Amino acid sequence: MSGYLRLLQQDSEGLTPRQRKMLDEAGRACGRVLALLQEISEFATLEGSDPAAASMSVPVFTVCDEAMKAADVKTAGAEPAVFTMDPGDRSAIVDGNPAWLKRAFGALIAAAAREYSTEPFECHGFVSDSSGARHAVMVCGPRGVSANREDLIARRGEFDRWRGGTGLSLPIACRIIEAHGGSVWSPGGADSRASIWNLPIASA
């Protein structure tokens, strides 16, 4: 169907403006269906495999920084948003598959940025020992959301991985994080749109 639509669009001399508009809309709809089918295929692959297989040492905050840049997130003032981290934590290492982790981080960052598209936005990473083990924690939400860290870590509300407009990208991202021994949650309440996820720091 997509191929036939492209052929019709190329032969546009005999088309009226209304017909061209309808073809463009149909082309975009086909693109959305194809993207969803691709995500379904990837989800099926994830369910039948271990996304943490072939693990290696991954500088988790560096990968998150790369995902932030690739997502091209803008702040409310249209400036590129940046990923920040605690001084000295850039070298934090987790065991995992860097390609899958970058995919998961990118989906979570993009979804949070969409929720705060008209507000100051931040994505921040830090290392926490509060759960009895060292974890790399990443927080995405309104500017200043990461200030009260202990509260964020303690308030583990349910994360809406099926929020509208994101397709299967968030379920896939959560599956990847969980397969690496981490978790994804929302603080709930006024910060229910924020996204928080963690991954265990690799033992020395």
N, C-alpha and C. Protein backbone atom coordinates (compact mmCIF):
# COMPACT_ATOMS: atom_id res chain seq x y z
N MET A 1 0.83 -1.20 0.00
CA MET A 1 0.00 0.00 0.00
C MET A 1 0.86 1.26 0.00
N SER A 2 1.90 1.23 0.82
CA SER A 2 2.79 2.38 0.89
C SER A 2 3.46 2.63 -0.46
N GLY A 3 3.85 1.56 -1.13
CA GLY A 3 4.49 1.69 -2.44
C GLY A 3 3.55 2.28 -3.48
N TYR A 4 2.30 1.81 -3.50
CA TYR A 4 1.33 2.36 -4.45
C TYR A 4 1.06 3.84 -4.18
N LEU A 5 1.00 4.20 -2.90
CA LEU A 5 0.79 5.61 -2.56
C LEU A 5 1.94 6.48 -3.07
N ARG A 6 3.16 5.98 -2.94
CA ARG A 6 4.31 6.73 -3.44
C ARG A 6 4.24 6.92 -4.95
N LEU A 7 3.80 5.86 -5.66
CA LEU A 7 3.65 5.97 -7.11
C LEU A 7 2.63 7.04 -7.48
N LEU A 8 1.52 7.06 -6.76
CA LEU A 8 0.49 8.07 -7.03
C LEU A 8 1.00 9.47 -6.73
N GLN A 9 1.78 9.61 -5.64
CA GLN A 9 2.30 10.91 -5.28
C GLN A 9 3.31 11.42 -6.32
N GLN A 10 4.06 10.50 -6.92
CA GLN A 10 5.04 10.90 -7.93
C GLN A 10 4.35 11.37 -9.22
N ASP A 11 3.19 10.78 -9.50
CA ASP A 11 2.44 11.17 -10.69
C ASP A 11 1.36 12.17 -10.28
N SER A 12 1.79 13.32 -9.79
CA SER A 12 0.86 14.26 -9.17
C SER A 12 0.35 15.35 -10.10
N GLU A 13 0.77 15.35 -11.36
CA GLU A 13 0.37 16.44 -12.27
C GLU A 13 -1.15 16.49 -12.46
N GLY A 14 -1.78 15.32 -12.51
CA GLY A 14 -3.23 15.30 -12.75
C GLY A 14 -4.06 15.33 -11.49
N LEU A 15 -3.41 15.54 -10.33
CA LEU A 15 -4.14 15.51 -9.06
C LEU A 15 -4.56 16.91 -8.64
N THR A 16 -5.71 16.98 -8.03
CA THR A 16 -6.16 18.25 -7.46
C THR A 16 -5.48 18.45 -6.11
N PRO A 17 -5.44 19.69 -5.59
CA PRO A 17 -4.86 19.91 -4.26
C PRO A 17 -5.50 19.04 -3.19
N ARG A 18 -6.81 18.84 -3.28
CA ARG A 18 -7.51 18.00 -2.29
C ARG A 18 -7.05 16.54 -2.39
N GLN A 19 -6.86 16.05 -3.61
CA GLN A 19 -6.39 14.67 -3.79
C GLN A 19 -4.97 14.49 -3.27
N ARG A 20 -4.12 15.50 -3.55
CA ARG A 20 -2.74 15.42 -3.04
C ARG A 20 -2.72 15.41 -1.51
N LYS A 21 -3.59 16.21 -0.90
CA LYS A 21 -3.67 16.24 0.56
C LYS A 21 -4.10 14.89 1.12
N MET A 22 -5.09 14.27 0.45
CA MET A 22 -5.58 12.96 0.90
C MET A 22 -4.48 11.91 0.77
N LEU A 23 -3.71 11.96 -0.33
CA LEU A 23 -2.61 11.01 -0.51
C LEU A 23 -1.54 11.21 0.56
N ASP A 24 -1.24 12.46 0.87
CA ASP A 24 -0.24 12.74 1.91
C ASP A 24 -0.70 12.19 3.26
N GLU A 25 -1.98 12.39 3.58
CA GLU A 25 -2.52 11.88 4.85
C GLU A 25 -2.45 10.35 4.88
N ALA A 26 -2.80 9.72 3.76
CA ALA A 26 -2.75 8.25 3.69
C ALA A 26 -1.31 7.75 3.84
N GLY A 27 -0.36 8.48 3.25
CA GLY A 27 1.05 8.11 3.38
C GLY A 27 1.53 8.19 4.81
N ARG A 28 1.12 9.25 5.52
CA ARG A 28 1.51 9.37 6.93
C ARG A 28 0.88 8.27 7.77
N ALA A 29 -0.37 7.92 7.46
CA ALA A 29 -1.04 6.85 8.19
C ALA A 29 -0.33 5.52 7.98
N CYS A 30 0.09 5.26 6.74
CA CYS A 30 0.84 4.03 6.46
C CYS A 30 2.15 4.02 7.22
N GLY A 31 2.80 5.18 7.31
CA GLY A 31 4.05 5.27 8.06
C GLY A 31 3.86 4.92 9.52
N ARG A 32 2.75 5.39 10.10
CA ARG A 32 2.47 5.07 11.50
C ARG A 32 2.21 3.59 11.71
N VAL A 33 1.48 2.99 10.76
CA VAL A 33 1.21 1.54 10.85
C VAL A 33 2.50 0.75 10.73
N LEU A 34 3.36 1.14 9.80
CA LEU A 34 4.64 0.44 9.63
C LEU A 34 5.50 0.56 10.87
N ALA A 35 5.51 1.76 11.48
CA ALA A 35 6.29 1.95 12.71
C ALA A 35 5.76 1.08 13.83
N LEU A 36 4.43 0.96 13.92
CA LEU A 36 3.84 0.13 14.97
C LEU A 36 4.16 -1.34 14.74
N LEU A 37 4.10 -1.77 13.48
CA LEU A 37 4.45 -3.17 13.17
C LEU A 37 5.91 -3.46 13.52
N GLN A 38 6.79 -2.49 13.26
CA GLN A 38 8.20 -2.65 13.61
C GLN A 38 8.36 -2.77 15.12
N GLU A 39 7.63 -1.95 15.87
CA GLU A 39 7.70 -2.01 17.33
C GLU A 39 7.17 -3.34 17.86
N ILE A 40 6.07 -3.85 17.25
CA ILE A 40 5.53 -5.15 17.66
C ILE A 40 6.56 -6.24 17.42
N SER A 41 7.24 -6.16 16.28
CA SER A 41 8.28 -7.15 15.97
C SER A 41 9.42 -7.08 16.99
N GLU A 42 9.83 -5.85 17.35
CA GLU A 42 10.90 -5.69 18.32
C GLU A 42 10.47 -6.18 19.70
N PHE A 43 9.21 -5.92 20.05
CA PHE A 43 8.70 -6.37 21.34
C PHE A 43 8.69 -7.90 21.40
N ALA A 44 8.28 -8.54 20.30
CA ALA A 44 8.28 -10.00 20.24
C ALA A 44 9.70 -10.54 20.37
N THR A 45 10.66 -9.85 19.73
CA THR A 45 12.06 -10.26 19.85
C THR A 45 12.53 -10.15 21.29
N LEU A 46 12.16 -9.05 21.96
CA LEU A 46 12.54 -8.86 23.36
C LEU A 46 11.97 -9.95 24.25
N GLU A 47 10.68 -10.28 24.03
CA GLU A 47 10.03 -11.29 24.87
C GLU A 47 10.65 -12.67 24.69
N GLY A 48 11.24 -12.89 23.51
CA GLY A 48 11.82 -14.20 23.25
C GLY A 48 13.33 -14.24 23.45
N SER A 49 13.90 -13.17 24.00
CA SER A 49 15.35 -13.13 24.18
C SER A 49 15.69 -12.35 25.43
N ASP A 50 16.96 -12.21 25.68
CA ASP A 50 17.44 -11.45 26.83
C ASP A 50 18.17 -10.21 26.32
N PRO A 51 17.55 -9.01 26.47
CA PRO A 51 18.21 -7.80 25.96
C PRO A 51 19.50 -7.46 26.69
N ALA A 52 19.73 -8.12 27.83
CA ALA A 52 20.97 -7.88 28.56
C ALA A 52 22.06 -8.88 28.17
N ALA A 53 21.73 -9.75 27.21
CA ALA A 53 22.73 -10.73 26.77
C ALA A 53 23.93 -10.02 26.16
N ALA A 54 25.05 -10.70 26.16
CA ALA A 54 26.30 -10.12 25.66
C ALA A 54 26.62 -8.82 26.39
N SER A 55 26.46 -8.87 27.72
CA SER A 55 26.68 -7.67 28.52
C SER A 55 28.14 -7.25 28.50
N MET A 56 28.34 -5.96 28.65
CA MET A 56 29.67 -5.41 28.78
C MET A 56 29.60 -4.25 29.76
N SER A 57 30.74 -3.72 30.13
CA SER A 57 30.77 -2.58 31.04
C SER A 57 30.31 -1.32 30.29
N VAL A 58 29.27 -0.68 30.81
CA VAL A 58 28.67 0.47 30.13
C VAL A 58 28.74 1.70 31.04
N PRO A 59 29.35 2.80 30.59
CA PRO A 59 29.31 4.06 31.35
C PRO A 59 27.91 4.65 31.23
N VAL A 60 27.07 4.32 32.18
CA VAL A 60 25.63 4.53 32.05
C VAL A 60 25.24 5.98 31.82
N PHE A 61 25.88 6.92 32.51
CA PHE A 61 25.49 8.32 32.36
C PHE A 61 25.98 8.90 31.02
N THR A 62 27.08 8.37 30.52
CA THR A 62 27.55 8.78 29.19
C THR A 62 26.54 8.34 28.13
N VAL A 63 26.04 7.11 28.27
CA VAL A 63 25.05 6.60 27.32
C VAL A 63 23.76 7.41 27.42
N CYS A 64 23.36 7.79 28.64
CA CYS A 64 22.16 8.60 28.81
C CYS A 64 22.35 9.99 28.18
N ASP A 65 23.54 10.53 28.32
CA ASP A 65 23.85 11.82 27.70
C ASP A 65 23.74 11.71 26.18
N GLU A 66 24.25 10.63 25.62
CA GLU A 66 24.16 10.41 24.17
C GLU A 66 22.71 10.27 23.73
N ALA A 67 21.91 9.56 24.52
CA ALA A 67 20.49 9.39 24.19
C ALA A 67 19.76 10.72 24.23
N MET A 68 20.12 11.56 25.20
CA MET A 68 19.51 12.89 25.30
C MET A 68 19.80 13.72 24.05
N LYS A 69 21.04 13.69 23.60
CA LYS A 69 21.42 14.45 22.41
C LYS A 69 20.74 13.89 21.17
N ALA A 70 20.66 12.56 21.08
CA ALA A 70 20.03 11.95 19.91
C ALA A 70 18.53 12.26 19.86
N ALA A 71 17.90 12.36 21.04
CA ALA A 71 16.47 12.67 21.09
C ALA A 71 16.20 14.12 20.72
N ASP A 72 17.24 14.96 20.75
CA ASP A 72 17.14 16.37 20.37
C ASP A 72 16.02 17.07 21.16
N VAL A 73 16.06 16.87 22.48
CA VAL A 73 15.05 17.46 23.35
C VAL A 73 15.29 18.97 23.48
N LYS A 74 14.21 19.73 23.40
CA LYS A 74 14.30 21.19 23.54
C LYS A 74 13.68 21.61 24.87
N THR A 75 14.22 22.67 25.43
CA THR A 75 13.63 23.24 26.64
C THR A 75 12.46 24.13 26.22
N ALA A 76 11.76 24.68 27.20
CA ALA A 76 10.62 25.55 26.91
C ALA A 76 11.05 26.78 26.10
N GLY A 77 12.32 27.17 26.23
CA GLY A 77 12.83 28.31 25.48
C GLY A 77 13.42 27.92 24.14
N ALA A 78 13.17 26.67 23.70
CA ALA A 78 13.63 26.14 22.41
C ALA A 78 15.14 25.88 22.37
N GLU A 79 15.81 25.96 23.53
CA GLU A 79 17.22 25.63 23.59
C GLU A 79 17.38 24.12 23.79
N PRO A 80 18.46 23.51 23.28
CA PRO A 80 18.66 22.08 23.51
C PRO A 80 18.78 21.77 25.01
N ALA A 81 18.02 20.81 25.48
CA ALA A 81 18.12 20.38 26.87
C ALA A 81 19.38 19.53 27.03
N VAL A 82 19.98 19.56 28.20
CA VAL A 82 21.22 18.80 28.42
C VAL A 82 21.01 17.83 29.58
N PHE A 83 21.75 16.74 29.52
CA PHE A 83 21.74 15.78 30.61
C PHE A 83 22.83 16.18 31.61
N THR A 84 22.46 16.30 32.87
CA THR A 84 23.43 16.67 33.90
C THR A 84 23.62 15.51 34.86
N MET A 85 24.74 15.52 35.55
CA MET A 85 25.02 14.45 36.50
C MET A 85 25.85 14.99 37.64
N ASP A 86 25.85 14.27 38.74
CA ASP A 86 26.67 14.67 39.88
C ASP A 86 28.14 14.64 39.50
N PRO A 87 28.93 15.58 40.01
CA PRO A 87 30.37 15.57 39.74
C PRO A 87 30.98 14.22 40.18
N GLY A 88 31.78 13.66 39.32
CA GLY A 88 32.44 12.40 39.65
C GLY A 88 31.67 11.15 39.30
N ASP A 89 30.41 11.30 38.89
CA ASP A 89 29.60 10.13 38.59
C ASP A 89 29.63 9.70 37.13
N ARG A 90 30.31 10.48 36.27
CA ARG A 90 30.35 10.13 34.85
C ARG A 90 30.94 8.74 34.64
N SER A 91 31.80 8.31 35.54
CA SER A 91 32.46 7.01 35.38
C SER A 91 31.62 5.85 35.93
N ALA A 92 30.41 6.11 36.40
CA ALA A 92 29.56 5.03 36.93
C ALA A 92 29.33 3.97 35.85
N ILE A 93 29.51 2.71 36.22
CA ILE A 93 29.46 1.61 35.26
C ILE A 93 28.34 0.64 35.63
N VAL A 94 27.59 0.21 34.61
CA VAL A 94 26.62 -0.87 34.79
C VAL A 94 26.97 -1.98 33.80
N ASP A 95 26.51 -3.18 34.08
CA ASP A 95 26.67 -4.29 33.14
C ASP A 95 25.45 -4.32 32.23
N GLY A 96 25.67 -4.28 30.93
CA GLY A 96 24.51 -4.31 30.05
C GLY A 96 24.87 -4.22 28.59
N ASN A 97 23.83 -4.14 27.79
CA ASN A 97 23.95 -4.01 26.35
C ASN A 97 23.79 -2.53 26.00
N PRO A 98 24.86 -1.85 25.59
CA PRO A 98 24.78 -0.39 25.39
C PRO A 98 23.77 0.04 24.34
N ALA A 99 23.61 -0.73 23.27
CA ALA A 99 22.66 -0.35 22.22
C ALA A 99 21.23 -0.39 22.73
N TRP A 100 20.89 -1.47 23.46
CA TRP A 100 19.54 -1.58 24.00
C TRP A 100 19.30 -0.52 25.07
N LEU A 101 20.29 -0.27 25.91
CA LEU A 101 20.12 0.73 26.96
C LEU A 101 19.91 2.12 26.36
N LYS A 102 20.68 2.45 25.34
CA LYS A 102 20.52 3.76 24.70
C LYS A 102 19.12 3.88 24.11
N ARG A 103 18.62 2.80 23.53
CA ARG A 103 17.27 2.80 22.97
C ARG A 103 16.25 3.07 24.08
N ALA A 104 16.41 2.41 25.22
CA ALA A 104 15.47 2.59 26.32
C ALA A 104 15.53 4.01 26.88
N PHE A 105 16.74 4.51 27.11
CA PHE A 105 16.91 5.86 27.64
C PHE A 105 16.27 6.89 26.71
N GLY A 106 16.50 6.73 25.41
CA GLY A 106 15.96 7.68 24.45
C GLY A 106 14.45 7.73 24.48
N ALA A 107 13.80 6.55 24.58
CA ALA A 107 12.34 6.51 24.62
C ALA A 107 11.80 7.16 25.89
N LEU A 108 12.43 6.89 27.03
CA LEU A 108 11.98 7.47 28.29
C LEU A 108 12.19 8.98 28.32
N ILE A 109 13.32 9.44 27.81
CA ILE A 109 13.60 10.88 27.76
C ILE A 109 12.61 11.59 26.84
N ALA A 110 12.37 11.03 25.66
CA ALA A 110 11.46 11.66 24.70
C ALA A 110 10.05 11.74 25.25
N ALA A 111 9.61 10.68 25.95
CA ALA A 111 8.26 10.68 26.51
C ALA A 111 8.13 11.73 27.61
N ALA A 112 9.14 11.85 28.47
CA ALA A 112 9.09 12.85 29.54
C ALA A 112 9.14 14.26 28.96
N ALA A 113 9.98 14.46 27.95
CA ALA A 113 10.08 15.78 27.33
C ALA A 113 8.77 16.18 26.68
N ARG A 114 8.08 15.21 26.13
CA ARG A 114 6.77 15.50 25.52
C ARG A 114 5.78 15.95 26.59
N GLU A 115 5.84 15.34 27.76
CA GLU A 115 4.93 15.73 28.85
C GLU A 115 5.19 17.16 29.31
N TYR A 116 6.45 17.59 29.22
CA TYR A 116 6.83 18.93 29.71
C TYR A 116 7.28 19.83 28.56
N SER A 117 6.61 19.73 27.44
CA SER A 117 7.04 20.45 26.23
C SER A 117 6.95 21.97 26.39
N THR A 118 6.13 22.46 27.30
CA THR A 118 5.99 23.91 27.46
C THR A 118 6.53 24.39 28.80
N GLU A 119 7.27 23.53 29.49
CA GLU A 119 7.80 23.87 30.80
C GLU A 119 9.31 23.64 30.84
N PRO A 120 10.02 24.33 31.75
CA PRO A 120 11.45 24.03 31.93
C PRO A 120 11.63 22.56 32.27
N PHE A 121 12.60 21.92 31.63
CA PHE A 121 12.75 20.47 31.70
C PHE A 121 14.18 20.11 32.08
N GLU A 122 14.33 19.02 32.82
CA GLU A 122 15.68 18.55 33.14
C GLU A 122 15.73 17.03 33.12
N CYS A 123 16.91 16.51 32.85
CA CYS A 123 17.20 15.09 32.98
C CYS A 123 18.53 14.99 33.72
N HIS A 124 18.52 14.34 34.87
CA HIS A 124 19.68 14.35 35.76
C HIS A 124 19.98 12.93 36.24
N GLY A 125 21.28 12.63 36.37
CA GLY A 125 21.70 11.32 36.86
C GLY A 125 22.57 11.43 38.09
N PHE A 126 22.42 10.45 38.98
CA PHE A 126 23.25 10.42 40.19
C PHE A 126 23.32 8.98 40.69
N VAL A 127 24.29 8.72 41.54
CA VAL A 127 24.45 7.40 42.15
C VAL A 127 23.83 7.43 43.54
N SER A 128 23.02 6.41 43.84
CA SER A 128 22.33 6.34 45.13
C SER A 128 22.66 5.03 45.84
N ASP A 129 22.80 5.12 47.15
CA ASP A 129 23.01 3.94 48.00
C ASP A 129 21.81 3.69 48.90
N SER A 130 20.71 4.41 48.70
CA SER A 130 19.61 4.39 49.65
C SER A 130 18.87 3.06 49.71
N SER A 131 18.92 2.25 48.66
CA SER A 131 18.19 0.99 48.66
C SER A 131 19.01 -0.17 49.21
N GLY A 132 20.17 0.13 49.78
CA GLY A 132 21.03 -0.92 50.31
C GLY A 132 22.05 -1.41 49.30
N ALA A 133 21.91 -1.01 48.07
CA ALA A 133 22.87 -1.34 47.02
C ALA A 133 23.05 -0.11 46.15
N ARG A 134 24.18 -0.01 45.48
CA ARG A 134 24.46 1.17 44.66
C ARG A 134 23.72 1.07 43.33
N HIS A 135 23.01 2.13 43.00
CA HIS A 135 22.27 2.20 41.74
C HIS A 135 22.56 3.52 41.04
N ALA A 136 22.59 3.46 39.73
CA ALA A 136 22.59 4.67 38.92
C ALA A 136 21.14 5.07 38.73
N VAL A 137 20.79 6.28 39.14
CA VAL A 137 19.41 6.75 39.06
C VAL A 137 19.33 7.89 38.05
N MET A 138 18.33 7.86 37.19
CA MET A 138 18.12 8.92 36.21
C MET A 138 16.71 9.47 36.36
N VAL A 139 16.62 10.79 36.41
CA VAL A 139 15.35 11.48 36.64
C VAL A 139 15.07 12.43 35.49
N CYS A 140 13.88 12.36 34.92
CA CYS A 140 13.46 13.30 33.88
C CYS A 140 12.13 13.91 34.29
N GLY A 141 12.08 15.24 34.28
CA GLY A 141 10.85 15.91 34.67
C GLY A 141 11.03 17.41 34.68
N PRO A 142 10.16 18.13 35.39
CA PRO A 142 10.27 19.59 35.44
C PRO A 142 11.56 20.00 36.13
N ARG A 143 12.09 21.14 35.75
CA ARG A 143 13.34 21.59 36.34
C ARG A 143 13.22 21.65 37.86
N GLY A 144 14.21 21.07 38.53
CA GLY A 144 14.22 21.04 39.99
C GLY A 144 13.65 19.77 40.59
N VAL A 145 13.11 18.87 39.72
CA VAL A 145 12.47 17.66 40.26
C VAL A 145 13.48 16.75 40.97
N SER A 146 14.77 16.83 40.57
CA SER A 146 15.77 15.94 41.15
C SER A 146 16.33 16.45 42.48
N ALA A 147 15.89 17.62 42.93
CA ALA A 147 16.47 18.21 44.14
C ALA A 147 16.21 17.34 45.38
N ASN A 148 15.00 16.83 45.51
CA ASN A 148 14.65 16.02 46.69
C ASN A 148 14.78 14.54 46.35
N ARG A 149 16.01 14.06 46.34
CA ARG A 149 16.30 12.72 45.84
C ARG A 149 15.69 11.60 46.69
N GLU A 150 15.85 11.70 47.99
CA GLU A 150 15.36 10.62 48.85
C GLU A 150 13.85 10.45 48.68
N ASP A 151 13.14 11.56 48.53
CA ASP A 151 11.70 11.50 48.34
C ASP A 151 11.36 10.83 47.01
N LEU A 152 12.11 11.16 45.96
CA LEU A 152 11.87 10.56 44.65
C LEU A 152 12.08 9.05 44.67
N ILE A 153 13.12 8.63 45.35
CA ILE A 153 13.44 7.21 45.40
C ILE A 153 12.41 6.45 46.22
N ALA A 154 11.89 7.08 47.28
CA ALA A 154 10.93 6.43 48.17
C ALA A 154 9.52 6.39 47.57
N ARG A 155 9.14 7.43 46.84
CA ARG A 155 7.77 7.51 46.31
C ARG A 155 7.70 6.78 44.97
N ARG A 156 7.49 5.50 45.03
CA ARG A 156 7.48 4.71 43.81
C ARG A 156 6.05 4.46 43.35
N GLY A 157 5.52 5.43 42.62
CA GLY A 157 4.21 5.26 42.02
C GLY A 157 4.31 4.47 40.72
N GLU A 158 3.15 4.08 40.21
CA GLU A 158 3.14 3.31 38.97
C GLU A 158 3.47 4.20 37.79
N PHE A 159 4.35 3.72 36.93
CA PHE A 159 4.71 4.44 35.72
C PHE A 159 3.77 4.04 34.59
N ASP A 160 3.17 5.02 33.94
CA ASP A 160 2.23 4.75 32.85
C ASP A 160 3.01 4.48 31.56
N ARG A 161 3.28 3.22 31.32
CA ARG A 161 4.05 2.87 30.12
C ARG A 161 3.18 2.81 28.87
N TRP A 162 1.89 3.04 29.03
CA TRP A 162 0.98 3.03 27.88
C TRP A 162 0.42 4.42 27.60
N ARG A 163 1.12 5.46 28.06
CA ARG A 163 0.62 6.82 27.82
C ARG A 163 0.48 7.08 26.33
N GLY A 164 -0.52 7.87 25.99
CA GLY A 164 -0.89 8.07 24.58
C GLY A 164 0.20 8.69 23.74
N GLY A 165 0.23 8.27 22.47
CA GLY A 165 1.13 8.88 21.50
C GLY A 165 2.53 8.33 21.48
N THR A 166 2.83 7.33 22.30
CA THR A 166 4.19 6.79 22.34
C THR A 166 4.29 5.38 21.76
N GLY A 167 3.18 4.84 21.28
CA GLY A 167 3.22 3.51 20.70
C GLY A 167 3.70 2.47 21.71
N LEU A 168 4.58 1.59 21.24
CA LEU A 168 5.14 0.56 22.12
C LEU A 168 6.52 0.94 22.65
N SER A 169 6.96 2.17 22.39
CA SER A 169 8.33 2.53 22.78
C SER A 169 8.54 2.46 24.29
N LEU A 170 7.54 2.86 25.07
CA LEU A 170 7.73 2.82 26.53
C LEU A 170 7.66 1.40 27.10
N PRO A 171 6.70 0.55 26.68
CA PRO A 171 6.76 -0.85 27.15
C PRO A 171 8.08 -1.53 26.80
N ILE A 172 8.61 -1.24 25.60
CA ILE A 172 9.90 -1.81 25.21
C ILE A 172 11.01 -1.28 26.11
N ALA A 173 10.99 0.04 26.37
CA ALA A 173 12.02 0.64 27.23
C ALA A 173 11.99 0.03 28.63
N CYS A 174 10.80 -0.11 29.20
CA CYS A 174 10.67 -0.68 30.54
C CYS A 174 11.15 -2.13 30.57
N ARG A 175 10.82 -2.87 29.53
CA ARG A 175 11.27 -4.27 29.44
C ARG A 175 12.80 -4.34 29.42
N ILE A 176 13.44 -3.43 28.70
CA ILE A 176 14.90 -3.42 28.62
C ILE A 176 15.50 -3.09 29.98
N ILE A 177 14.99 -2.05 30.65
CA ILE A 177 15.51 -1.66 31.96
C ILE A 177 15.34 -2.80 32.95
N GLU A 178 14.16 -3.42 32.97
CA GLU A 178 13.91 -4.51 33.91
C GLU A 178 14.80 -5.72 33.63
N ALA A 179 15.06 -6.00 32.35
CA ALA A 179 15.94 -7.12 32.01
C ALA A 179 17.37 -6.88 32.48
N HIS A 180 17.74 -5.61 32.69
CA HIS A 180 19.06 -5.27 33.20
C HIS A 180 19.08 -5.15 34.73
N GLY A 181 18.01 -5.57 35.38
CA GLY A 181 17.96 -5.55 36.84
C GLY A 181 17.49 -4.24 37.43
N GLY A 182 17.00 -3.33 36.59
CA GLY A 182 16.56 -2.03 37.08
C GLY A 182 15.05 -1.93 37.15
N SER A 183 14.55 -0.74 37.39
CA SER A 183 13.12 -0.50 37.46
C SER A 183 12.81 0.91 36.99
N VAL A 184 11.54 1.11 36.61
CA VAL A 184 11.06 2.41 36.13
C VAL A 184 9.84 2.77 36.96
N TRP A 185 9.77 4.02 37.42
CA TRP A 185 8.62 4.43 38.21
C TRP A 185 8.36 5.92 38.07
N SER A 186 7.24 6.34 38.65
CA SER A 186 6.87 7.75 38.71
C SER A 186 6.65 8.10 40.18
N PRO A 187 7.01 9.32 40.60
CA PRO A 187 6.78 9.68 42.00
C PRO A 187 5.31 9.82 42.35
N GLY A 188 4.44 9.94 41.36
CA GLY A 188 3.02 10.12 41.63
C GLY A 188 2.71 11.54 42.05
N GLY A 189 1.45 11.79 42.37
CA GLY A 189 1.03 13.12 42.81
C GLY A 189 1.28 14.17 41.76
N ALA A 190 1.76 15.32 42.20
CA ALA A 190 2.02 16.44 41.29
C ALA A 190 3.11 16.12 40.28
N ASP A 191 3.96 15.13 40.60
CA ASP A 191 5.06 14.77 39.71
C ASP A 191 4.76 13.50 38.92
N SER A 192 3.49 13.19 38.72
CA SER A 192 3.13 11.91 38.09
C SER A 192 3.60 11.80 36.65
N ARG A 193 3.89 12.93 36.00
CA ARG A 193 4.37 12.87 34.61
C ARG A 193 5.87 12.64 34.54
N ALA A 194 6.57 12.77 35.67
CA ALA A 194 8.02 12.58 35.68
C ALA A 194 8.38 11.11 35.51
N SER A 195 9.56 10.85 35.00
CA SER A 195 10.04 9.48 34.80
C SER A 195 11.32 9.28 35.61
N ILE A 196 11.40 8.19 36.32
CA ILE A 196 12.60 7.84 37.09
C ILE A 196 12.94 6.38 36.81
N TRP A 197 14.20 6.11 36.58
CA TRP A 197 14.60 4.71 36.40
C TRP A 197 15.98 4.52 36.99
N ASN A 198 16.26 3.27 37.35
CA ASN A 198 17.58 2.98 37.92
C ASN A 198 18.14 1.69 37.38
N LEU A 199 19.42 1.53 37.55
CA LEU A 199 20.14 0.32 37.14
C LEU A 199 21.21 0.03 38.19
N PRO A 200 21.42 -1.24 38.52
CA PRO A 200 22.44 -1.56 39.53
C PRO A 200 23.85 -1.26 39.02
N ILE A 201 24.64 -0.62 39.87
CA ILE A 201 26.05 -0.35 39.53
C ILE A 201 26.81 -1.67 39.54
N ALA A 202 27.67 -1.87 38.56
CA ALA A 202 28.45 -3.09 38.49
C ALA A 202 29.41 -3.18 39.66
N SER A 203 29.55 -4.37 40.21
CA SER A 203 30.49 -4.57 41.31
C SER A 203 31.91 -4.44 40.80
N ALA A 204 32.78 -3.90 41.64
CA ALA A 204 34.17 -3.69 41.23
C ALA A 204 34.87 -5.01 41.03
